[in-house]
N, C-alpha and C. Protein backbone atom coordinates (compact mmCIF):
# COMPACT_ATOMS: atom_id res chain seq x y z
N UNK A 1 -38.70 -55.07 31.62
CA UNK A 1 -39.46 -55.08 30.39
C UNK A 1 -40.77 -54.34 30.64
N UNK A 2 -41.07 -53.42 29.75
CA UNK A 2 -42.32 -52.68 29.90
C UNK A 2 -43.51 -53.56 29.53
N UNK A 3 -44.67 -53.12 29.94
CA UNK A 3 -45.89 -53.87 29.65
C UNK A 3 -46.12 -53.96 28.14
N UNK A 4 -45.81 -52.88 27.44
CA UNK A 4 -45.98 -52.85 25.98
C UNK A 4 -45.10 -53.91 25.31
N UNK A 5 -43.85 -54.02 25.76
CA UNK A 5 -42.94 -55.02 25.20
C UNK A 5 -43.42 -56.43 25.52
N UNK A 6 -43.93 -56.63 26.72
CA UNK A 6 -44.43 -57.94 27.12
C UNK A 6 -45.62 -58.35 26.24
N UNK A 7 -46.50 -57.40 25.97
CA UNK A 7 -47.67 -57.70 25.13
C UNK A 7 -47.22 -58.06 23.72
N UNK A 8 -46.25 -57.32 23.20
CA UNK A 8 -45.73 -57.60 21.86
C UNK A 8 -45.09 -58.99 21.82
N UNK A 9 -44.29 -59.33 22.83
CA UNK A 9 -43.67 -60.65 22.89
C UNK A 9 -44.72 -61.76 22.99
N UNK A 10 -45.76 -61.52 23.78
CA UNK A 10 -46.83 -62.51 23.91
C UNK A 10 -47.56 -62.70 22.59
N UNK A 11 -47.71 -61.61 21.83
CA UNK A 11 -48.37 -61.71 20.53
C UNK A 11 -47.54 -62.58 19.59
N UNK A 12 -46.24 -62.37 19.59
CA UNK A 12 -45.35 -63.18 18.74
C UNK A 12 -45.41 -64.64 19.15
N UNK A 13 -45.41 -64.90 20.46
CA UNK A 13 -45.47 -66.28 20.95
C UNK A 13 -46.80 -66.93 20.55
N UNK A 14 -47.90 -66.18 20.62
CA UNK A 14 -49.20 -66.73 20.22
C UNK A 14 -49.23 -67.03 18.73
N UNK A 15 -48.56 -66.19 17.94
CA UNK A 15 -48.48 -66.45 16.49
C UNK A 15 -47.73 -67.74 16.22
N UNK A 16 -46.59 -67.90 16.88
CA UNK A 16 -45.77 -69.11 16.69
C UNK A 16 -46.53 -70.37 17.12
N UNK A 17 -47.29 -70.24 18.22
CA UNK A 17 -48.02 -71.39 18.75
C UNK A 17 -49.34 -71.63 18.02
N UNK A 18 -49.67 -70.72 17.10
CA UNK A 18 -50.94 -70.78 16.36
C UNK A 18 -52.14 -70.82 17.31
N UNK A 19 -52.04 -70.05 18.40
CA UNK A 19 -53.10 -69.92 19.40
C UNK A 19 -54.00 -68.76 18.96
N UNK A 20 -54.97 -69.05 18.11
CA UNK A 20 -55.78 -67.99 17.49
C UNK A 20 -56.63 -67.22 18.48
N UNK A 21 -57.16 -67.87 19.50
CA UNK A 21 -57.98 -67.17 20.48
C UNK A 21 -57.18 -66.13 21.25
N UNK A 22 -56.04 -66.55 21.75
CA UNK A 22 -55.16 -65.64 22.49
C UNK A 22 -54.63 -64.53 21.58
N UNK A 23 -54.25 -64.90 20.38
CA UNK A 23 -53.72 -63.93 19.42
C UNK A 23 -54.75 -62.86 19.10
N UNK A 24 -55.98 -63.27 18.90
CA UNK A 24 -57.05 -62.31 18.59
C UNK A 24 -57.25 -61.31 19.72
N UNK A 25 -57.24 -61.79 20.94
CA UNK A 25 -57.42 -60.91 22.11
C UNK A 25 -56.25 -59.93 22.22
N UNK A 26 -55.03 -60.43 22.05
CA UNK A 26 -53.86 -59.56 22.14
C UNK A 26 -53.88 -58.53 21.02
N UNK A 27 -54.33 -58.92 19.84
CA UNK A 27 -54.42 -57.96 18.73
C UNK A 27 -55.45 -56.88 19.03
N UNK A 28 -56.57 -57.24 19.67
CA UNK A 28 -57.56 -56.23 20.08
C UNK A 28 -56.92 -55.24 21.05
N UNK A 29 -56.13 -55.76 21.97
CA UNK A 29 -55.46 -54.92 22.95
C UNK A 29 -54.45 -53.98 22.28
N UNK A 30 -53.63 -54.52 21.38
CA UNK A 30 -52.65 -53.66 20.71
C UNK A 30 -53.33 -52.62 19.84
N UNK A 31 -54.45 -52.97 19.23
CA UNK A 31 -55.19 -51.99 18.43
C UNK A 31 -55.72 -50.86 19.31
N UNK A 32 -56.23 -51.20 20.48
CA UNK A 32 -56.72 -50.18 21.41
C UNK A 32 -55.58 -49.29 21.88
N UNK A 33 -54.41 -49.89 22.10
CA UNK A 33 -53.25 -49.11 22.52
C UNK A 33 -52.81 -48.14 21.42
N UNK A 34 -52.73 -48.63 20.20
CA UNK A 34 -52.33 -47.77 19.07
C UNK A 34 -53.34 -46.66 18.85
N UNK A 35 -54.62 -46.98 18.99
CA UNK A 35 -55.67 -45.98 18.83
C UNK A 35 -55.49 -44.85 19.83
N UNK A 36 -55.19 -45.20 21.07
CA UNK A 36 -55.00 -44.17 22.10
C UNK A 36 -53.75 -43.33 21.80
N UNK A 37 -52.69 -43.99 21.35
CA UNK A 37 -51.47 -43.26 21.00
C UNK A 37 -51.72 -42.26 19.87
N UNK A 38 -52.45 -42.69 18.87
CA UNK A 38 -52.73 -41.82 17.72
C UNK A 38 -53.69 -40.70 18.11
N UNK A 39 -54.76 -41.03 18.82
CA UNK A 39 -55.76 -40.03 19.20
C UNK A 39 -55.17 -38.94 20.09
N UNK A 40 -54.36 -39.34 21.06
CA UNK A 40 -53.85 -38.38 22.04
C UNK A 40 -52.43 -37.92 21.74
N UNK A 41 -51.83 -38.51 20.70
CA UNK A 41 -50.46 -38.16 20.30
C UNK A 41 -49.49 -38.26 21.48
N UNK A 42 -49.52 -39.40 22.14
CA UNK A 42 -48.65 -39.65 23.29
C UNK A 42 -47.99 -41.02 23.16
N UNK A 43 -46.93 -41.22 23.92
CA UNK A 43 -46.30 -42.52 24.07
C UNK A 43 -46.91 -43.14 25.32
N UNK A 44 -47.50 -44.32 25.19
CA UNK A 44 -48.20 -44.93 26.32
C UNK A 44 -47.23 -45.41 27.40
N UNK A 45 -47.58 -45.14 28.64
CA UNK A 45 -46.85 -45.66 29.79
C UNK A 45 -47.58 -46.91 30.26
N UNK A 46 -46.98 -47.62 31.20
CA UNK A 46 -47.63 -48.81 31.76
C UNK A 46 -48.97 -48.43 32.40
N UNK A 47 -49.04 -47.25 33.02
CA UNK A 47 -50.29 -46.82 33.66
C UNK A 47 -51.39 -46.63 32.61
N UNK A 48 -51.05 -46.05 31.46
CA UNK A 48 -52.03 -45.88 30.38
C UNK A 48 -52.51 -47.24 29.88
N UNK A 49 -51.56 -48.17 29.71
CA UNK A 49 -51.91 -49.49 29.20
C UNK A 49 -52.80 -50.23 30.19
N UNK A 50 -52.49 -50.12 31.48
CA UNK A 50 -53.33 -50.76 32.50
C UNK A 50 -54.74 -50.19 32.48
N UNK A 51 -54.87 -48.89 32.24
CA UNK A 51 -56.20 -48.28 32.16
C UNK A 51 -56.98 -48.85 30.96
N UNK A 52 -56.30 -49.04 29.84
CA UNK A 52 -56.94 -49.62 28.65
C UNK A 52 -57.38 -51.06 28.95
N UNK A 53 -56.49 -51.83 29.57
CA UNK A 53 -56.82 -53.23 29.89
C UNK A 53 -57.99 -53.28 30.87
N UNK A 54 -57.97 -52.40 31.87
CA UNK A 54 -59.05 -52.35 32.86
C UNK A 54 -60.40 -52.08 32.17
N UNK A 55 -60.39 -51.16 31.22
CA UNK A 55 -61.61 -50.83 30.48
C UNK A 55 -62.08 -52.04 29.67
N UNK A 56 -61.15 -52.73 29.02
CA UNK A 56 -61.50 -53.90 28.22
C UNK A 56 -62.04 -55.02 29.11
N UNK A 57 -61.46 -55.18 30.30
CA UNK A 57 -61.94 -56.21 31.23
C UNK A 57 -63.37 -55.89 31.66
N UNK A 58 -63.62 -54.63 31.96
CA UNK A 58 -64.97 -54.21 32.36
C UNK A 58 -65.97 -54.50 31.23
N UNK A 59 -65.57 -54.21 29.99
CA UNK A 59 -66.44 -54.49 28.85
C UNK A 59 -66.74 -55.98 28.74
N UNK A 60 -65.70 -56.81 28.94
CA UNK A 60 -65.90 -58.26 28.85
C UNK A 60 -66.86 -58.74 29.93
N UNK A 61 -66.70 -58.23 31.14
CA UNK A 61 -67.58 -58.65 32.24
C UNK A 61 -69.03 -58.26 31.95
N UNK A 62 -69.24 -57.05 31.43
CA UNK A 62 -70.59 -56.61 31.07
C UNK A 62 -71.17 -57.50 29.98
N UNK A 63 -70.34 -57.83 28.98
CA UNK A 63 -70.80 -58.68 27.88
C UNK A 63 -71.17 -60.07 28.37
N UNK A 64 -70.36 -60.63 29.26
CA UNK A 64 -70.64 -61.96 29.80
C UNK A 64 -72.00 -61.97 30.49
N UNK A 65 -72.26 -60.94 31.29
CA UNK A 65 -73.54 -60.83 32.00
C UNK A 65 -74.69 -60.78 31.01
N UNK A 66 -74.54 -59.96 29.98
CA UNK A 66 -75.60 -59.81 28.99
C UNK A 66 -75.83 -61.10 28.19
N UNK A 67 -74.73 -61.74 27.77
CA UNK A 67 -74.86 -62.97 26.99
C UNK A 67 -75.50 -64.09 27.81
N UNK A 68 -75.11 -64.21 29.07
CA UNK A 68 -75.69 -65.26 29.91
C UNK A 68 -77.17 -64.98 30.17
N UNK A 69 -77.52 -63.71 30.33
CA UNK A 69 -78.93 -63.35 30.54
C UNK A 69 -79.74 -63.66 29.28
N UNK A 70 -79.10 -63.53 28.13
CA UNK A 70 -79.78 -63.78 26.87
C UNK A 70 -79.72 -65.23 26.42
N UNK A 71 -79.09 -66.09 27.24
CA UNK A 71 -79.03 -67.51 26.90
C UNK A 71 -78.00 -67.84 25.83
N UNK A 72 -77.01 -66.99 25.63
CA UNK A 72 -75.98 -67.23 24.61
C UNK A 72 -74.67 -67.64 25.28
N UNK A 73 -74.63 -68.85 25.81
CA UNK A 73 -73.47 -69.33 26.53
C UNK A 73 -72.25 -69.43 25.62
N UNK A 74 -72.46 -69.71 24.32
CA UNK A 74 -71.34 -69.80 23.39
C UNK A 74 -70.58 -68.47 23.31
N UNK A 75 -71.31 -67.38 23.24
CA UNK A 75 -70.67 -66.06 23.18
C UNK A 75 -70.07 -65.68 24.54
N UNK A 76 -70.73 -66.07 25.61
CA UNK A 76 -70.21 -65.80 26.96
C UNK A 76 -68.87 -66.51 27.16
N UNK A 77 -68.75 -67.73 26.64
CA UNK A 77 -67.50 -68.48 26.78
C UNK A 77 -66.35 -67.80 26.04
N UNK A 78 -66.63 -67.23 24.87
CA UNK A 78 -65.61 -66.49 24.11
C UNK A 78 -65.14 -65.29 24.93
N UNK A 79 -66.10 -64.56 25.50
CA UNK A 79 -65.76 -63.38 26.30
C UNK A 79 -64.96 -63.78 27.54
N UNK A 80 -65.30 -64.92 28.14
CA UNK A 80 -64.57 -65.39 29.33
C UNK A 80 -63.12 -65.72 28.97
N UNK A 81 -62.91 -66.31 27.80
CA UNK A 81 -61.55 -66.63 27.36
C UNK A 81 -60.75 -65.34 27.15
N UNK A 82 -61.38 -64.32 26.55
CA UNK A 82 -60.72 -63.03 26.34
C UNK A 82 -60.42 -62.38 27.69
N UNK A 83 -61.36 -62.49 28.62
CA UNK A 83 -61.19 -61.92 29.96
C UNK A 83 -59.98 -62.55 30.65
N UNK A 84 -59.81 -63.84 30.49
CA UNK A 84 -58.69 -64.54 31.11
C UNK A 84 -57.36 -64.05 30.55
N UNK A 85 -57.29 -63.85 29.23
CA UNK A 85 -56.06 -63.37 28.60
C UNK A 85 -55.73 -61.96 29.09
N UNK A 86 -56.75 -61.09 29.12
CA UNK A 86 -56.53 -59.70 29.54
C UNK A 86 -56.14 -59.62 31.02
N UNK A 87 -56.76 -60.45 31.85
CA UNK A 87 -56.50 -60.42 33.29
C UNK A 87 -55.06 -60.78 33.61
N UNK A 88 -54.41 -61.54 32.75
CA UNK A 88 -53.03 -61.94 32.98
C UNK A 88 -52.09 -60.74 33.00
N UNK A 89 -52.47 -59.64 32.37
CA UNK A 89 -51.61 -58.45 32.31
C UNK A 89 -51.81 -57.51 33.50
N UNK A 90 -52.83 -57.77 34.30
CA UNK A 90 -53.11 -56.89 35.44
C UNK A 90 -52.20 -57.27 36.61
N UNK A 91 -51.80 -56.27 37.41
CA UNK A 91 -51.00 -56.59 38.60
C UNK A 91 -51.85 -57.36 39.61
N UNK A 92 -51.19 -57.97 40.56
CA UNK A 92 -51.89 -58.76 41.59
C UNK A 92 -52.88 -57.86 42.34
N UNK A 93 -54.06 -58.38 42.55
CA UNK A 93 -55.11 -57.63 43.25
C UNK A 93 -54.77 -57.54 44.74
N UNK A 94 -55.18 -56.44 45.34
CA UNK A 94 -54.97 -56.25 46.78
C UNK A 94 -56.07 -56.94 47.57
N UNK A 95 -55.74 -57.34 48.79
CA UNK A 95 -56.74 -57.95 49.66
C UNK A 95 -57.62 -56.85 50.25
N UNK A 96 -58.74 -57.24 50.83
CA UNK A 96 -59.66 -56.27 51.44
C UNK A 96 -58.99 -55.50 52.57
N UNK A 97 -58.14 -56.18 53.35
CA UNK A 97 -57.43 -55.51 54.45
C UNK A 97 -56.45 -54.47 53.92
N UNK A 98 -55.73 -54.81 52.84
CA UNK A 98 -54.78 -53.87 52.25
C UNK A 98 -55.51 -52.64 51.70
N UNK A 99 -56.66 -52.86 51.07
CA UNK A 99 -57.44 -51.75 50.53
C UNK A 99 -57.93 -50.86 51.67
N UNK A 100 -58.44 -51.46 52.75
CA UNK A 100 -58.90 -50.69 53.90
C UNK A 100 -57.77 -49.86 54.49
N UNK A 101 -56.58 -50.43 54.54
CA UNK A 101 -55.41 -49.72 55.04
C UNK A 101 -55.07 -48.52 54.17
N UNK A 102 -55.11 -48.71 52.86
CA UNK A 102 -54.83 -47.62 51.91
C UNK A 102 -55.87 -46.51 52.05
N UNK A 103 -57.14 -46.89 52.22
CA UNK A 103 -58.21 -45.90 52.40
C UNK A 103 -57.95 -45.09 53.66
N UNK A 104 -57.62 -45.76 54.75
CA UNK A 104 -57.35 -45.06 56.01
C UNK A 104 -56.16 -44.11 55.87
N UNK A 105 -55.10 -44.55 55.20
CA UNK A 105 -53.93 -43.71 54.98
C UNK A 105 -54.28 -42.49 54.14
N UNK A 106 -55.07 -42.69 53.08
CA UNK A 106 -55.43 -41.58 52.20
C UNK A 106 -56.30 -40.57 52.93
N UNK A 107 -57.21 -41.03 53.77
CA UNK A 107 -58.06 -40.12 54.55
C UNK A 107 -57.19 -39.31 55.50
N UNK A 108 -56.24 -39.97 56.15
CA UNK A 108 -55.35 -39.27 57.08
C UNK A 108 -54.46 -38.27 56.33
N UNK A 109 -53.94 -38.67 55.17
CA UNK A 109 -53.03 -37.82 54.41
C UNK A 109 -53.72 -36.56 53.87
N UNK A 110 -54.99 -36.69 53.48
CA UNK A 110 -55.71 -35.54 52.91
C UNK A 110 -56.40 -34.72 53.98
N UNK A 111 -56.52 -35.26 55.19
CA UNK A 111 -57.22 -34.55 56.25
C UNK A 111 -58.71 -34.48 55.99
N UNK A 112 -59.24 -35.47 55.30
CA UNK A 112 -60.67 -35.49 54.96
C UNK A 112 -61.51 -35.59 56.22
N UNK A 113 -62.58 -34.77 56.25
CA UNK A 113 -63.41 -34.72 57.45
C UNK A 113 -64.84 -35.17 57.22
N UNK A 114 -65.24 -35.30 55.98
CA UNK A 114 -66.62 -35.69 55.71
C UNK A 114 -66.81 -36.03 54.25
N UNK A 115 -68.05 -36.34 53.89
CA UNK A 115 -68.34 -36.75 52.51
C UNK A 115 -67.94 -35.72 51.44
N UNK A 116 -67.89 -34.45 51.82
CA UNK A 116 -67.53 -33.42 50.85
C UNK A 116 -66.06 -33.55 50.41
N UNK A 117 -65.24 -34.28 51.16
CA UNK A 117 -63.82 -34.46 50.84
C UNK A 117 -63.55 -35.76 50.07
N UNK A 118 -64.59 -36.43 49.64
CA UNK A 118 -64.43 -37.72 48.97
C UNK A 118 -63.57 -37.60 47.71
N UNK A 119 -63.73 -36.53 46.95
CA UNK A 119 -62.96 -36.33 45.72
C UNK A 119 -61.46 -36.29 45.98
N UNK A 120 -61.06 -35.62 47.05
CA UNK A 120 -59.64 -35.53 47.40
C UNK A 120 -59.07 -36.92 47.70
N UNK A 121 -59.82 -37.67 48.48
CA UNK A 121 -59.36 -39.00 48.89
C UNK A 121 -59.29 -39.93 47.68
N UNK A 122 -60.31 -39.89 46.83
CA UNK A 122 -60.33 -40.76 45.64
C UNK A 122 -59.20 -40.41 44.68
N UNK A 123 -58.85 -39.13 44.58
CA UNK A 123 -57.75 -38.72 43.70
C UNK A 123 -56.44 -39.36 44.15
N UNK A 124 -56.22 -39.41 45.46
CA UNK A 124 -55.01 -40.02 46.00
C UNK A 124 -55.04 -41.54 45.75
N UNK A 125 -56.18 -42.15 46.01
CA UNK A 125 -56.29 -43.61 45.90
C UNK A 125 -56.24 -44.09 44.46
N UNK A 126 -56.77 -43.31 43.54
CA UNK A 126 -56.82 -43.74 42.14
C UNK A 126 -55.41 -44.02 41.62
N UNK A 127 -54.47 -43.16 41.95
CA UNK A 127 -53.09 -43.37 41.51
C UNK A 127 -52.45 -44.60 42.14
N UNK A 128 -52.75 -44.84 43.41
CA UNK A 128 -52.15 -45.96 44.13
C UNK A 128 -52.77 -47.30 43.78
N UNK A 129 -54.09 -47.31 43.61
CA UNK A 129 -54.80 -48.59 43.50
C UNK A 129 -55.25 -48.95 42.09
N UNK A 130 -55.04 -48.07 41.13
CA UNK A 130 -55.51 -48.33 39.77
C UNK A 130 -54.99 -49.67 39.27
N UNK A 131 -55.90 -50.51 38.82
CA UNK A 131 -55.53 -51.82 38.30
C UNK A 131 -55.35 -52.89 39.35
N UNK A 132 -55.30 -52.50 40.62
CA UNK A 132 -55.06 -53.47 41.67
C UNK A 132 -56.27 -53.66 42.57
N UNK A 133 -57.31 -52.84 42.34
CA UNK A 133 -58.53 -52.95 43.14
C UNK A 133 -59.70 -52.43 42.32
N UNK A 134 -60.89 -52.94 42.63
CA UNK A 134 -62.11 -52.47 41.98
C UNK A 134 -62.43 -51.09 42.55
N UNK A 135 -62.30 -50.07 41.72
CA UNK A 135 -62.45 -48.69 42.21
C UNK A 135 -63.88 -48.40 42.68
N UNK A 136 -64.85 -49.13 42.18
CA UNK A 136 -66.23 -48.96 42.66
C UNK A 136 -66.32 -49.37 44.13
N UNK A 137 -65.70 -50.49 44.46
CA UNK A 137 -65.69 -50.97 45.84
C UNK A 137 -64.88 -50.03 46.73
N UNK A 138 -63.77 -49.51 46.20
CA UNK A 138 -62.95 -48.57 46.96
C UNK A 138 -63.76 -47.31 47.25
N UNK A 139 -64.49 -46.83 46.26
CA UNK A 139 -65.32 -45.64 46.42
C UNK A 139 -66.36 -45.86 47.52
N UNK A 140 -66.96 -47.04 47.54
CA UNK A 140 -67.95 -47.35 48.57
C UNK A 140 -67.30 -47.36 49.97
N UNK A 141 -66.08 -47.90 50.06
CA UNK A 141 -65.37 -47.92 51.34
C UNK A 141 -65.05 -46.50 51.82
N UNK A 142 -64.61 -45.65 50.88
CA UNK A 142 -64.28 -44.26 51.23
C UNK A 142 -65.54 -43.54 51.70
N UNK A 143 -66.63 -43.74 50.97
CA UNK A 143 -67.89 -43.08 51.34
C UNK A 143 -68.33 -43.50 52.74
N UNK A 144 -68.24 -44.79 53.00
CA UNK A 144 -68.63 -45.33 54.32
C UNK A 144 -67.75 -44.74 55.42
N UNK A 145 -66.44 -44.70 55.15
CA UNK A 145 -65.49 -44.18 56.16
C UNK A 145 -65.72 -42.71 56.42
N UNK A 146 -66.02 -41.94 55.37
CA UNK A 146 -66.20 -40.49 55.53
C UNK A 146 -67.54 -40.13 56.16
N UNK A 147 -68.55 -40.92 55.94
CA UNK A 147 -69.85 -40.61 56.54
C UNK A 147 -69.88 -40.96 58.01
N UNK A 148 -69.02 -41.90 58.41
CA UNK A 148 -68.95 -42.30 59.83
C UNK A 148 -67.84 -41.56 60.56
N UNK A 149 -67.16 -40.66 59.84
CA UNK A 149 -66.02 -39.93 60.46
C UNK A 149 -66.50 -38.78 61.31
């Protein structure tokens, strides 16, 4: 079952269960997916959908930080609930050791010799780790590995 079909099935299940919070979040996700399909005139793959979900998760995390800083715990709780629903669609996260291993493999595969080769290494890693690791942290690991190489 594709990710798109799973999301549609989950939306139907939320409707039947009258779970308005979950339903609202899934509807936001499907709207974002349809928007991308219309804008780019493409059929979304699981990789495209994961990128959309990743972006929405990042937005929720930023909102939670802002709401908590502003003393609006009620709004932060809503964002946390949405974050939980969206996170369920992401693949299992990799451990720090697995990420380090992937970074080492990518550096070896590209023949990267210094910081100027960071783009090559990140291009390889982005495809492998998208949705399974925080790419900001991966970028920091690559930078550290290349500067000490």
